[in-house]
Amino acid sequence: MVDPSTSEQARSVECAQLLGAFDAQMRGPDRLHLPDGVHEEVDGPIYRRWGLAPCGFVSGRDLYQLDRTQLDALIARQIEFFDQRSLAFEWKTYSHDHSPT
């Protein structure tokens, strides 16, 4: 007979591994090769990308580590960055991202 707690624990570990692989491929320094003309930079806990579409993208995780002042500054930097390039941007989040409370 399968121990349900072990099975649940195994699913939890597998889920964490899959989400880690997803994050590595979708954002961050381990992501797949970017097409020519696409740029990506790290700004603290976020990654910003531009050059692929008529708008930019921002994605990050673990923003809960920032206090309100740091989070406000991070947001202001993204607005300023894309405003200087006359680009709109989308802040992409995923259900497994942690957010500040």
PDB file of N, CA and C in Angstrom:
ATOM      1  N   MET A   1       0.842  -1.173   0.000  1.00  0.00           N
ATOM      2  CA  MET A   1       0.000   0.000   0.000  1.00  0.00           C
ATOM      3  C   MET A   1       0.896   1.247   0.000  1.00  0.00           C
ATOM      4  N   VAL A   2       0.510   2.275  -0.749  1.00  0.00           N
ATOM      5  CA  VAL A   2       1.273   3.515  -0.853  1.00  0.00           C
ATOM      6  C   VAL A   2       0.939   4.409   0.327  1.00  0.00           C
ATOM      7  N   ASP A   3       1.958   4.906   0.963  1.00  0.00           N
ATOM      8  CA  ASP A   3       1.785   5.842   2.069  1.00  0.00           C
ATOM      9  C   ASP A   3       1.372   7.193   1.487  1.00  0.00           C
ATOM     10  N   PRO A   4       0.139   7.672   1.783  1.00  0.00           N
ATOM     11  CA  PRO A   4      -0.335   8.934   1.193  1.00  0.00           C
ATOM     12  C   PRO A   4       0.556  10.134   1.525  1.00  0.00           C
ATOM     13  N   SER A   5       1.124  10.167   2.717  1.00  0.00           N
ATOM     14  CA  SER A   5       1.973  11.311   3.083  1.00  0.00           C
ATOM     15  C   SER A   5       3.245  11.319   2.246  1.00  0.00           C
ATOM     16  N   THR A   6       3.810  10.148   1.979  1.00  0.00           N
ATOM     17  CA  THR A   6       5.006  10.058   1.144  1.00  0.00           C
ATOM     18  C   THR A   6       4.674  10.459  -0.280  1.00  0.00           C
ATOM     19  N   SER A   7       3.543  10.011  -0.766  1.00  0.00           N
ATOM     20  CA  SER A   7       3.111  10.343  -2.118  1.00  0.00           C
ATOM     21  C   SER A   7       2.905  11.857  -2.250  1.00  0.00           C
ATOM     22  N   GLU A   8       2.282  12.459  -1.273  1.00  0.00           N
ATOM     23  CA  GLU A   8       2.058  13.914  -1.299  1.00  0.00           C
ATOM     24  C   GLU A   8       3.386  14.656  -1.232  1.00  0.00           C
ATOM     25  N   GLN A   9       4.295  14.168  -0.411  1.00  0.00           N
ATOM     26  CA  GLN A   9       5.609  14.786  -0.303  1.00  0.00           C
ATOM     27  C   GLN A   9       6.362  14.674  -1.630  1.00  0.00           C
ATOM     28  N   ALA A  10       6.279  13.523  -2.261  1.00  0.00           N
ATOM     29  CA  ALA A  10       6.947  13.329  -3.557  1.00  0.00           C
ATOM     30  C   ALA A  10       6.364  14.280  -4.601  1.00  0.00           C
ATOM     31  N   ARG A  11       5.041  14.451  -4.609  1.00  0.00           N
ATOM     32  CA  ARG A  11       4.408  15.384  -5.547  1.00  0.00           C
ATOM     33  C   ARG A  11       4.855  16.812  -5.278  1.00  0.00           C
ATOM     34  N   SER A  12       4.983  17.155  -4.018  1.00  0.00           N
ATOM     35  CA  SER A  12       5.417  18.501  -3.651  1.00  0.00           C
ATOM     36  C   SER A  12       6.845  18.775  -4.137  1.00  0.00           C
ATOM     37  N   VAL A  13       7.726  17.795  -3.958  1.00  0.00           N
ATOM     38  CA  VAL A  13       9.111  17.934  -4.414  1.00  0.00           C
ATOM     39  C   VAL A  13       9.151  18.042  -5.930  1.00  0.00           C
ATOM     40  N   GLU A  14       8.406  17.188  -6.614  1.00  0.00           N
ATOM     41  CA  GLU A  14       8.373  17.217  -8.076  1.00  0.00           C
ATOM     42  C   GLU A  14       7.839  18.559  -8.584  1.00  0.00           C
ATOM     43  N   CYS A  15       6.804  19.065  -7.943  1.00  0.00           N
ATOM     44  CA  CYS A  15       6.235  20.360  -8.318  1.00  0.00           C
ATOM     45  C   CYS A  15       7.269  21.471  -8.154  1.00  0.00           C
ATOM     46  N   ALA A  16       7.984  21.463  -7.058  1.00  0.00           N
ATOM     47  CA  ALA A  16       9.015  22.478  -6.822  1.00  0.00           C
ATOM     48  C   ALA A  16      10.116  22.389  -7.870  1.00  0.00           C
ATOM     49  N   GLN A  17      10.490  21.181  -8.258  1.00  0.00           N
ATOM     50  CA  GLN A  17      11.519  21.007  -9.283  1.00  0.00           C
ATOM     51  C   GLN A  17      11.036  21.517 -10.639  1.00  0.00           C
ATOM     52  N   LEU A  18       9.795  21.226 -10.982  1.00  0.00           N
ATOM     53  CA  LEU A  18       9.234  21.688 -12.260  1.00  0.00           C
ATOM     54  C   LEU A  18       9.125  23.210 -12.296  1.00  0.00           C
ATOM     55  N   LEU A  19       8.673  23.797 -11.195  1.00  0.00           N
ATOM     56  CA  LEU A  19       8.570  25.258 -11.143  1.00  0.00           C
ATOM     57  C   LEU A  19       9.955  25.897 -11.223  1.00  0.00           C
ATOM     58  N   GLY A  20      10.942  25.280 -10.603  1.00  0.00           N
ATOM     59  CA  GLY A  20      12.311  25.784 -10.696  1.00  0.00           C
ATOM     60  C   GLY A  20      12.824  25.744 -12.125  1.00  0.00           C
ATOM     61  N   ALA A  21      12.539  24.656 -12.837  1.00  0.00           N
ATOM     62  CA  ALA A  21      12.947  24.548 -14.244  1.00  0.00           C
ATOM     63  C   ALA A  21      12.217  25.583 -15.098  1.00  0.00           C
ATOM     64  N   PHE A  22      10.939  25.770 -14.838  1.00  0.00           N
ATOM     65  CA  PHE A  22      10.159  26.775 -15.557  1.00  0.00           C
ATOM     66  C   PHE A  22      10.767  28.160 -15.358  1.00  0.00           C
ATOM     67  N   ASP A  23      11.030  28.523 -14.117  1.00  0.00           N
ATOM     68  CA  ASP A  23      11.595  29.834 -13.822  1.00  0.00           C
ATOM     69  C   ASP A  23      12.953  30.015 -14.483  1.00  0.00           C
ATOM     70  N   ALA A  24      13.780  28.982 -14.478  1.00  0.00           N
ATOM     71  CA  ALA A  24      15.109  29.076 -15.088  1.00  0.00           C
ATOM     72  C   ALA A  24      15.005  29.309 -16.592  1.00  0.00           C
ATOM     73  N   GLN A  25      14.003  28.714 -17.232  1.00  0.00           N
ATOM     74  CA  GLN A  25      13.848  28.870 -18.675  1.00  0.00           C
ATOM     75  C   GLN A  25      13.142  30.162 -19.046  1.00  0.00           C
ATOM     76  N   MET A  26      12.252  30.634 -18.195  1.00  0.00           N
ATOM     77  CA  MET A  26      11.436  31.801 -18.547  1.00  0.00           C
ATOM     78  C   MET A  26      12.045  33.130 -18.103  1.00  0.00           C
ATOM     79  N   ARG A  27      12.854  33.102 -17.088  1.00  0.00           N
ATOM     80  CA  ARG A  27      13.419  34.348 -16.573  1.00  0.00           C
ATOM     81  C   ARG A  27      14.716  34.035 -15.841  1.00  0.00           C
ATOM     82  N   GLY A  28      15.615  34.968 -15.940  1.00  0.00           N
ATOM     83  CA  GLY A  28      16.852  34.794 -15.211  1.00  0.00           C
ATOM     84  C   GLY A  28      18.019  34.381 -16.067  1.00  0.00           C
ATOM     85  N   PRO A  29      19.164  34.286 -15.457  1.00  0.00           N
ATOM     86  CA  PRO A  29      20.403  34.053 -16.197  1.00  0.00           C
ATOM     87  C   PRO A  29      20.485  32.682 -16.862  1.00  0.00           C
ATOM     88  N   ASP A  30      19.653  31.740 -16.462  1.00  0.00           N
ATOM     89  CA  ASP A  30      19.701  30.400 -17.057  1.00  0.00           C
ATOM     90  C   ASP A  30      18.711  30.227 -18.203  1.00  0.00           C
ATOM     91  N   ARG A  31      18.063  31.305 -18.587  1.00  0.00           N
ATOM     92  CA  ARG A  31      17.018  31.187 -19.609  1.00  0.00           C
ATOM     93  C   ARG A  31      17.610  30.763 -20.949  1.00  0.00           C
ATOM     94  N   LEU A  32      16.768  30.368 -21.826  1.00  0.00           N
ATOM     95  CA  LEU A  32      17.198  29.934 -23.148  1.00  0.00           C
ATOM     96  C   LEU A  32      17.760  31.107 -23.933  1.00  0.00           C
ATOM     97  N   HIS A  33      18.451  30.814 -25.025  1.00  0.00           N
ATOM     98  CA  HIS A  33      19.052  31.845 -25.867  1.00  0.00           C
ATOM     99  C   HIS A  33      17.983  32.844 -26.326  1.00  0.00           C
ATOM    100  N   LEU A  34      18.279  34.120 -26.195  1.00  0.00           N
ATOM    101  CA  LEU A  34      17.363  35.169 -26.641  1.00  0.00           C
ATOM    102  C   LEU A  34      17.589  35.461 -28.122  1.00  0.00           C
ATOM    103  N   PRO A  35      16.524  35.740 -28.858  1.00  0.00           N
ATOM    104  CA  PRO A  35      16.679  36.105 -30.272  1.00  0.00           C
ATOM    105  C   PRO A  35      17.484  37.400 -30.417  1.00  0.00           C
ATOM    106  N   ASP A  36      18.066  37.607 -31.597  1.00  0.00           N
ATOM    107  CA  ASP A  36      18.792  38.843 -31.870  1.00  0.00           C
ATOM    108  C   ASP A  36      17.887  40.041 -31.617  1.00  0.00           C
ATOM    109  N   GLY A  37      18.451  41.065 -31.021  1.00  0.00           N
ATOM    110  CA  GLY A  37      17.705  42.292 -30.760  1.00  0.00           C
ATOM    111  C   GLY A  37      16.921  42.300 -29.467  1.00  0.00           C
ATOM    112  N   VAL A  38      16.872  41.178 -28.776  1.00  0.00           N
ATOM    113  CA  VAL A  38      16.157  41.096 -27.501  1.00  0.00           C
ATOM    114  C   VAL A  38      17.180  41.229 -26.383  1.00  0.00           C
ATOM    115  N   HIS A  39      16.849  42.041 -25.417  1.00  0.00           N
ATOM    116  CA  HIS A  39      17.750  42.308 -24.303  1.00  0.00           C
ATOM    117  C   HIS A  39      17.061  41.944 -22.994  1.00  0.00           C
ATOM    118  N   GLU A  40      17.857  41.502 -22.043  1.00  0.00           N
ATOM    119  CA  GLU A  40      17.334  41.178 -20.724  1.00  0.00           C
ATOM    120  C   GLU A  40      18.344  41.634 -19.686  1.00  0.00           C
ATOM    121  N   GLU A  41      17.837  42.236 -18.627  1.00  0.00           N
ATOM    122  CA  GLU A  41      18.688  42.704 -17.524  1.00  0.00           C
ATOM    123  C   GLU A  41      18.071  42.293 -16.201  1.00  0.00           C
ATOM    124  N   VAL A  42      18.917  42.162 -15.228  1.00  0.00           N
ATOM    125  CA  VAL A  42      18.488  41.888 -13.861  1.00  0.00           C
ATOM    126  C   VAL A  42      18.487  43.199 -13.097  1.00  0.00           C
ATOM    127  N   ASP A  43      17.437  43.432 -12.348  1.00  0.00           N
ATOM    128  CA  ASP A  43      17.358  44.589 -11.454  1.00  0.00           C
ATOM    129  C   ASP A  43      16.836  44.074 -10.120  1.00  0.00           C
ATOM    130  N   GLY A  44      17.751  43.745  -9.230  1.00  0.00           N
ATOM    131  CA  GLY A  44      17.349  43.170  -7.949  1.00  0.00           C
ATOM    132  C   GLY A  44      16.654  41.834  -8.173  1.00  0.00           C
ATOM    133  N   PRO A  45      15.448  41.665  -7.644  1.00  0.00           N
ATOM    134  CA  PRO A  45      14.754  40.384  -7.777  1.00  0.00           C
ATOM    135  C   PRO A  45      13.940  40.248  -9.072  1.00  0.00           C
ATOM    136  N   ILE A  46      14.080  41.184  -9.992  1.00  0.00           N
ATOM    137  CA  ILE A  46      13.290  41.109 -11.224  1.00  0.00           C
ATOM    138  C   ILE A  46      14.195  41.036 -12.457  1.00  0.00           C
ATOM    139  N   TYR A  47      13.588  40.606 -13.534  1.00  0.00           N
ATOM    140  CA  TYR A  47      14.229  40.564 -14.839  1.00  0.00           C
ATOM    141  C   TYR A  47      13.380  41.408 -15.770  1.00  0.00           C
ATOM    142  N   ARG A  48      14.018  42.264 -16.521  1.00  0.00           N
ATOM    143  CA  ARG A  48      13.263  43.035 -17.513  1.00  0.00           C
ATOM    144  C   ARG A  48      13.788  42.696 -18.898  1.00  0.00           C
ATOM    145  N   ARG A  49      12.867  42.644 -19.840  1.00  0.00           N
ATOM    146  CA  ARG A  49      13.200  42.229 -21.193  1.00  0.00           C
ATOM    147  C   ARG A  49      12.518  43.178 -22.170  1.00  0.00           C
ATOM    148  N   TRP A  50      13.225  43.517 -23.227  1.00  0.00           N
ATOM    149  CA  TRP A  50      12.658  44.375 -24.258  1.00  0.00           C
ATOM    150  C   TRP A  50      13.301  44.049 -25.597  1.00  0.00           C
ATOM    151  N   GLY A  51      12.620  44.453 -26.676  1.00  0.00           N
ATOM    152  CA  GLY A  51      13.159  44.261 -28.008  1.00  0.00           C
ATOM    153  C   GLY A  51      12.462  43.186 -28.821  1.00  0.00           C
ATOM    154  N   LEU A  52      11.575  42.416 -28.225  1.00  0.00           N
ATOM    155  CA  LEU A  52      10.895  41.347 -28.940  1.00  0.00           C
ATOM    156  C   LEU A  52       9.529  41.794 -29.452  1.00  0.00           C
ATOM    157  N   ALA A  53       8.859  42.597 -28.703  1.00  0.00           N
ATOM    158  CA  ALA A  53       7.502  43.041 -29.020  1.00  0.00           C
ATOM    159  C   ALA A  53       7.456  44.558 -28.889  1.00  0.00           C
ATOM    160  N   PRO A  54       6.316  45.143 -29.233  1.00  0.00           N
ATOM    161  CA  PRO A  54       6.220  46.600 -29.094  1.00  0.00           C
ATOM    162  C   PRO A  54       6.154  47.073 -27.641  1.00  0.00           C
ATOM    163  N   CYS A  55       6.269  46.150 -26.716  1.00  0.00           N
ATOM    164  CA  CYS A  55       6.302  46.536 -25.304  1.00  0.00           C
ATOM    165  C   CYS A  55       7.352  45.692 -24.594  1.00  0.00           C
ATOM    166  N   GLY A  56       7.706  46.107 -23.389  1.00  0.00           N
ATOM    167  CA  GLY A  56       8.674  45.373 -22.593  1.00  0.00           C
ATOM    168  C   GLY A  56       7.974  44.487 -21.583  1.00  0.00           C
ATOM    169  N   PHE A  57       8.749  43.672 -20.919  1.00  0.00           N
ATOM    170  CA  PHE A  57       8.216  42.762 -19.916  1.00  0.00           C
ATOM    171  C   PHE A  57       9.091  42.812 -18.672  1.00  0.00           C
ATOM    172  N   VAL A  58       8.454  42.725 -17.531  1.00  0.00           N
ATOM    173  CA  VAL A  58       9.140  42.646 -16.245  1.00  0.00           C
ATOM    174  C   VAL A  58       8.590  41.416 -15.539  1.00  0.00           C
ATOM    175  N   SER A  59       9.461  40.637 -14.957  1.00  0.00           N
ATOM    176  CA  SER A  59       9.042  39.461 -14.219  1.00  0.00           C
ATOM    177  C   SER A  59       9.975  39.281 -13.038  1.00  0.00           C
ATOM    178  N   GLY A  60       9.431  38.872 -11.948  1.00  0.00           N
ATOM    179  CA  GLY A  60      10.260  38.659 -10.771  1.00  0.00           C
ATOM    180  C   GLY A  60       9.571  37.762  -9.782  1.00  0.00           C
ATOM    181  N   ARG A  61      10.305  37.391  -8.785  1.00  0.00           N
ATOM    182  CA  ARG A  61       9.737  36.549  -7.742  1.00  0.00           C
ATOM    183  C   ARG A  61      10.362  36.934  -6.409  1.00  0.00           C
ATOM    184  N   ASP A  62       9.755  36.454  -5.370  1.00  0.00           N
ATOM    185  CA  ASP A  62      10.260  36.695  -4.020  1.00  0.00           C
ATOM    186  C   ASP A  62      10.334  38.178  -3.670  1.00  0.00           C
ATOM    187  N   LEU A  63       9.370  38.924  -4.141  1.00  0.00           N
ATOM    188  CA  LEU A  63       9.330  40.347  -3.817  1.00  0.00           C
ATOM    189  C   LEU A  63       8.991  40.580  -2.347  1.00  0.00           C
ATOM    190  N   TYR A  64       8.527  39.552  -1.675  1.00  0.00           N
ATOM    191  CA  TYR A  64       8.196  39.673  -0.260  1.00  0.00           C
ATOM    192  C   TYR A  64       9.425  40.024   0.579  1.00  0.00           C
ATOM    193  N   GLN A  65      10.604  39.831   0.030  1.00  0.00           N
ATOM    194  CA  GLN A  65      11.834  40.150   0.761  1.00  0.00           C
ATOM    195  C   GLN A  65      12.084  41.658   0.821  1.00  0.00           C
ATOM    196  N   LEU A  66      11.356  42.415   0.010  1.00  0.00           N
ATOM    197  CA  LEU A  66      11.544  43.863  -0.026  1.00  0.00           C
ATOM    198  C   LEU A  66      10.574  44.538   0.929  1.00  0.00           C
ATOM    199  N   ASP A  67      11.034  45.601   1.568  1.00  0.00           N
ATOM    200  CA  ASP A  67      10.088  46.397   2.351  1.00  0.00           C
ATOM    201  C   ASP A  67       9.375  47.366   1.400  1.00  0.00           C
ATOM    202  N   ARG A  68       8.422  48.084   1.899  1.00  0.00           N
ATOM    203  CA  ARG A  68       7.600  48.955   1.053  1.00  0.00           C
ATOM    204  C   ARG A  68       8.443  49.992   0.306  1.00  0.00           C
ATOM    205  N   THR A  69       9.410  50.589   0.967  1.00  0.00           N
ATOM    206  CA  THR A  69      10.267  51.595   0.337  1.00  0.00           C
ATOM    207  C   THR A  69      11.074  50.979  -0.803  1.00  0.00           C
ATOM    208  N   GLN A  70      11.629  49.797  -0.574  1.00  0.00           N
ATOM    209  CA  GLN A  70      12.403  49.117  -1.616  1.00  0.00           C
ATOM    210  C   GLN A  70      11.520  48.721  -2.796  1.00  0.00           C
ATOM    211  N   LEU A  71      10.316  48.241  -2.500  1.00  0.00           N
ATOM    212  CA  LEU A  71       9.397  47.848  -3.566  1.00  0.00           C
ATOM    213  C   LEU A  71       8.969  49.062  -4.386  1.00  0.00           C
ATOM    214  N   ASP A  72       8.646  50.163  -3.714  1.00  0.00           N
ATOM    215  CA  ASP A  72       8.291  51.390  -4.430  1.00  0.00           C
ATOM    216  C   ASP A  72       9.434  51.851  -5.339  1.00  0.00           C
ATOM    217  N   ALA A  73      10.669  51.765  -4.847  1.00  0.00           N
ATOM    218  CA  ALA A  73      11.827  52.168  -5.650  1.00  0.00           C
ATOM    219  C   ALA A  73      12.017  51.237  -6.846  1.00  0.00           C
ATOM    220  N   LEU A  74      11.826  49.948  -6.645  1.00  0.00           N
ATOM    221  CA  LEU A  74      11.942  48.970  -7.729  1.00  0.00           C
ATOM    222  C   LEU A  74      10.910  49.267  -8.821  1.00  0.00           C
ATOM    223  N   ILE A  75       9.684  49.521  -8.434  1.00  0.00           N
ATOM    224  CA  ILE A  75       8.630  49.840  -9.392  1.00  0.00           C
ATOM    225  C   ILE A  75       8.960  51.131 -10.131  1.00  0.00           C
ATOM    226  N   ALA A  76       9.398  52.144  -9.397  1.00  0.00           N
ATOM    227  CA  ALA A  76       9.750  53.430 -10.024  1.00  0.00           C
ATOM    228  C   ALA A  76      10.873  53.263 -11.049  1.00  0.00           C
ATOM    229  N   ARG A  77      11.855  52.406 -10.742  1.00  0.00           N
ATOM    230  CA  ARG A  77      12.953  52.165 -11.688  1.00  0.00           C
ATOM    231  C   ARG A  77      12.444  51.545 -12.990  1.00  0.00           C
ATOM    232  N   GLN A  78      11.483  50.633 -12.873  1.00  0.00           N
ATOM    233  CA  GLN A  78      10.962  49.998 -14.083  1.00  0.00           C
ATOM    234  C   GLN A  78      10.184  51.005 -14.930  1.00  0.00           C
ATOM    235  N   ILE A  79       9.393  51.817 -14.275  1.00  0.00           N
ATOM    236  CA  ILE A  79       8.639  52.852 -14.995  1.00  0.00           C
ATOM    237  C   ILE A  79       9.593  53.800 -15.697  1.00  0.00           C
ATOM    238  N   GLU A  80      10.623  54.250 -14.989  1.00  0.00           N
ATOM    239  CA  GLU A  80      11.601  55.163 -15.578  1.00  0.00           C
ATOM    240  C   GLU A  80      12.357  54.498 -16.732  1.00  0.00           C
ATOM    241  N   PHE A  81      12.775  53.250 -16.539  1.00  0.00           N
ATOM    242  CA  PHE A  81      13.531  52.528 -17.560  1.00  0.00           C
ATOM    243  C   PHE A  81      12.751  52.453 -18.871  1.00  0.00           C
ATOM    244  N   PHE A  82      11.504  52.018 -18.799  1.00  0.00           N
ATOM    245  CA  PHE A  82      10.716  51.868 -20.022  1.00  0.00           C
ATOM    246  C   PHE A  82      10.231  53.202 -20.561  1.00  0.00           C
ATOM    247  N   ASP A  83       9.996  54.160 -19.689  1.00  0.00           N
ATOM    248  CA  ASP A  83       9.608  55.495 -20.132  1.00  0.00           C
ATOM    249  C   ASP A  83      10.728  56.132 -20.949  1.00  0.00           C
ATOM    250  N   GLN A  84      11.974  55.942 -20.539  1.00  0.00           N
ATOM    251  CA  GLN A  84      13.115  56.483 -21.282  1.00  0.00           C
ATOM    252  C   GLN A  84      13.218  55.893 -22.684  1.00  0.00           C
ATOM    253  N   ARG A  85      12.644  54.727 -22.884  1.00  0.00           N
ATOM    254  CA  ARG A  85      12.673  54.056 -24.190  1.00  0.00           C
ATOM    255  C   ARG A  85      11.340  54.175 -24.923  1.00  0.00           C
ATOM    256  N   SER A  86      10.440  54.952 -24.355  1.00  0.00           N
ATOM    257  CA  SER A  86       9.090  55.138 -24.921  1.00  0.00           C
ATOM    258  C   SER A  86       8.388  53.807 -25.159  1.00  0.00           C
ATOM    259  N   LEU A  87       8.533  52.902 -24.209  1.00  0.00           N
ATOM    260  CA  LEU A  87       7.911  51.588 -24.306  1.00  0.00           C
ATOM    261  C   LEU A  87       6.921  51.378 -23.167  1.00  0.00           C
ATOM    262  N   ALA A  88       5.774  50.822 -23.506  1.00  0.00           N
ATOM    263  CA  ALA A  88       4.873  50.322 -22.471  1.00  0.00           C
ATOM    264  C   ALA A  88       5.491  49.014 -21.979  1.00  0.00           C
ATOM    265  N   PHE A  89       5.068  48.539 -20.822  1.00  0.00           N
ATOM    266  CA  PHE A  89       5.576  47.256 -20.356  1.00  0.00           C
ATOM    267  C   PHE A  89       4.530  46.525 -19.550  1.00  0.00           C
ATOM    268  N   GLU A  90       4.695  45.225 -19.514  1.00  0.00           N
ATOM    269  CA  GLU A  90       3.812  44.344 -18.753  1.00  0.00           C
ATOM    270  C   GLU A  90       4.622  43.731 -17.626  1.00  0.00           C
ATOM    271  N   TRP A  91       4.062  43.737 -16.419  1.00  0.00           N
ATOM    272  CA  TRP A  91       4.713  43.110 -15.277  1.00  0.00           C
ATOM    273  C   TRP A  91       4.100  41.723 -15.152  1.00  0.00           C
ATOM    274  N   LYS A  92       4.846  40.718 -15.560  1.00  0.00           N
ATOM    275  CA  LYS A  92       4.349  39.347 -15.621  1.00  0.00           C
ATOM    276  C   LYS A  92       4.536  38.658 -14.284  1.00  0.00           C
ATOM    277  N   THR A  93       3.467  38.084 -13.765  1.00  0.00           N
ATOM    278  CA  THR A  93       3.549  37.303 -12.540  1.00  0.00           C
ATOM    279  C   THR A  93       2.943  35.921 -12.781  1.00  0.00           C
ATOM    280  N   TYR A  94       3.326  34.988 -11.969  1.00  0.00           N
ATOM    281  CA  TYR A  94       2.819  33.630 -12.054  1.00  0.00           C
ATOM    282  C   TYR A  94       2.243  33.237 -10.697  1.00  0.00           C
ATOM    283  N   SER A  95       1.385  32.264 -10.698  1.00  0.00           N
ATOM    284  CA  SER A  95       0.694  31.896  -9.451  1.00  0.00           C
ATOM    285  C   SER A  95       1.654  31.431  -8.362  1.00  0.00           C
ATOM    286  N   HIS A  96       2.825  30.953  -8.722  1.00  0.00           N
ATOM    287  CA  HIS A  96       3.768  30.476  -7.699  1.00  0.00           C
ATOM    288  C   HIS A  96       4.728  31.563  -7.228  1.00  0.00           C
ATOM    289  N   ASP A  97       4.603  32.764  -7.769  1.00  0.00           N
ATOM    290  CA  ASP A  97       5.434  33.885  -7.299  1.00  0.00           C
ATOM    291  C   ASP A  97       4.968  34.308  -5.913  1.00  0.00           C
ATOM    292  N   HIS A  98       5.927  34.702  -5.111  1.00  0.00           N
ATOM    293  CA  HIS A  98       5.610  35.254  -3.793  1.00  0.00           C
ATOM    294  C   HIS A  98       5.486  36.750  -3.945  1.00  0.00           C
ATOM    295  N   SER A  99       4.563  37.334  -3.226  1.00  0.00           N
ATOM    296  CA  SER A  99       4.402  38.782  -3.316  1.00  0.00           C
ATOM    297  C   SER A  99       4.449  39.385  -1.920  1.00  0.00           C
ATOM    298  N   PRO A 100       4.729  40.674  -1.865  1.00  0.00           N
ATOM    299  CA  PRO A 100       4.771  41.321  -0.552  1.00  0.00           C
ATOM    300  C   PRO A 100       3.380  41.363   0.071  1.00  0.00           C
ATOM    301  N   THR A 101       3.338  41.369   1.394  1.00  0.00           N
ATOM    302  CA  THR A 101       2.054  41.441   2.080  1.00  0.00           C
ATOM    303  C   THR A 101       1.811  42.836   2.578  1.00  0.00           C
TER     304      THR A 101
END
